[in-house]
């Protein structure tokens, strides 16, 4: 290959890796920058491509044909033009792509982009040096795919740097917490319900205290570090720290970092089994929230959850139990009633019985409110203030949020569906007027149990829903099986490829007197 064309080939290859490089980095971010999460996801992508082997072979065919043509200037130019054409097509397609969650170009991502770019340029330079025109044709599809693996090398190279950056900022946050010795610190964890509980607790305690709660799902070491460094002020009385975990050791680290005096475990169940590996690991890790409390601390636990109820706590701190199903608790919700306007219930405790009402829907939201009532009373807030605060609690976005869209009534439970929450969502839907419609792509990150739990989810829909719209043929296969197992009418099961198609179907089959449940929303990394 002539030197001039080699330069052009190098430029064309650079263009060819740009889009998949950005996509690979995007999916690496959605997998929380963790190789142990990214590699299983990548394997799943490879398995999906293997099922479409014919299309892969069809794409590879022109490159093979080019490699077998007689070597001359024309075939070399055709090779470069084909590479450039594919790169241009992919770039144009990427610019039009609408992601559920866009790549967030943080300082960390900028560092990763620089390392990824250097690795790509080195590899492409070496390939250009040794490549004949036949090799250029054969290697181009490999070049196209290489960044999905180069990201792993990039992650390994940048990991020590990221660890140093993380340690530095965590140390700064620890020092800030030490300067607030009177701060009431509350830790919240659980397989599900922690974000809703945190937001409700923020509003309820706000009746008597100046509260700072970690925003959104800032439940990682860096998320809490950012919150402490940028938002914690001397005027704050209470700091509520949501603590998430998807592997062993994370709650242990976070509780020792923040050192809460009050610890809450909302629920425990099969969540993040891909990384926790076993349910026993999840139980032990979540309960670190209570076991790491000081002896003078207070733990608040959901007795309705069998894993929490049966766990032998290795701490002598005070424990307050709450629940709906269990009678022997410190705070129990009874007489639950739902309507399109919200929920009404009564709190029973040693002090007596107190009526409450809220716009929130679902048993788990009432359980979350019980946490706030228990902690509120422990901190000296009056029943009158608690009742007022609960009446004024706002919807938590995408968590059983009742809303109107184009005049239609929706129950938006699109955030992070789980086995326990999805069943409760169906219970709420069952009590709603009109035709009841479920729109869902199913549940994810449930490891080897994912298909079985989605199958059960499908079976629970009988009697709760009249129409079911499933988003993603492959993703929702287990739900369809569950629906068929219980005799759900096949004519009322609709399978679509995209959320846009799902809404089109909703408007075709539902009226404005009906209720539509939106159960879960998949990030792009898990949309198949």
Foldseek 3Di string as FASTA:
>chain_A
DDPVLLVLLLVLLLLLQVLVLQVLLQLCVVLVVDPLSLVVLVVVVVVVVVVVVVVVCVVLVVLQVLLPDDDDPVSLVVLSVVSNVNSVVSVVVVVVDDFPDDRDCDPVNVLLVVLLSVVLSVVSVVCSVPDDSSNSSNCSVVSNNVSNVVSVVSSVVCVVVVVVVLVVLLVVLLVLLVVAVQAAEEEEEELDDRVLLQLLLCLLCVLPFAEAEQPDPLAFSVSVSCCSVPPDDNRGRYYYHYHYDLAAPGLLVVCVSNVHLEYEYLEADQFLCSHHVDSVRRLVRSLSRVQSHPQQGEYEYECVHPSRVPDDRPHNHHYFYEYAPDDPGQWYWDDWDQACQFIKTWIQHPVGIHIATASADWPSSVSSLSVSVVVCVVVPHDPVSSRVSRHVRADDPQCQHWDADPLATERRVAAQFDLVSLLRLLVNQLPYDDAEEEEEQAHDSSPPCRLVSLLCSLLSNVSSHLAYEHAAPVSNVSSVNSVVVNPRDPVRYHYYHDPVVVVVVCVVPDDSRHYYYYHYDDGPSPRD
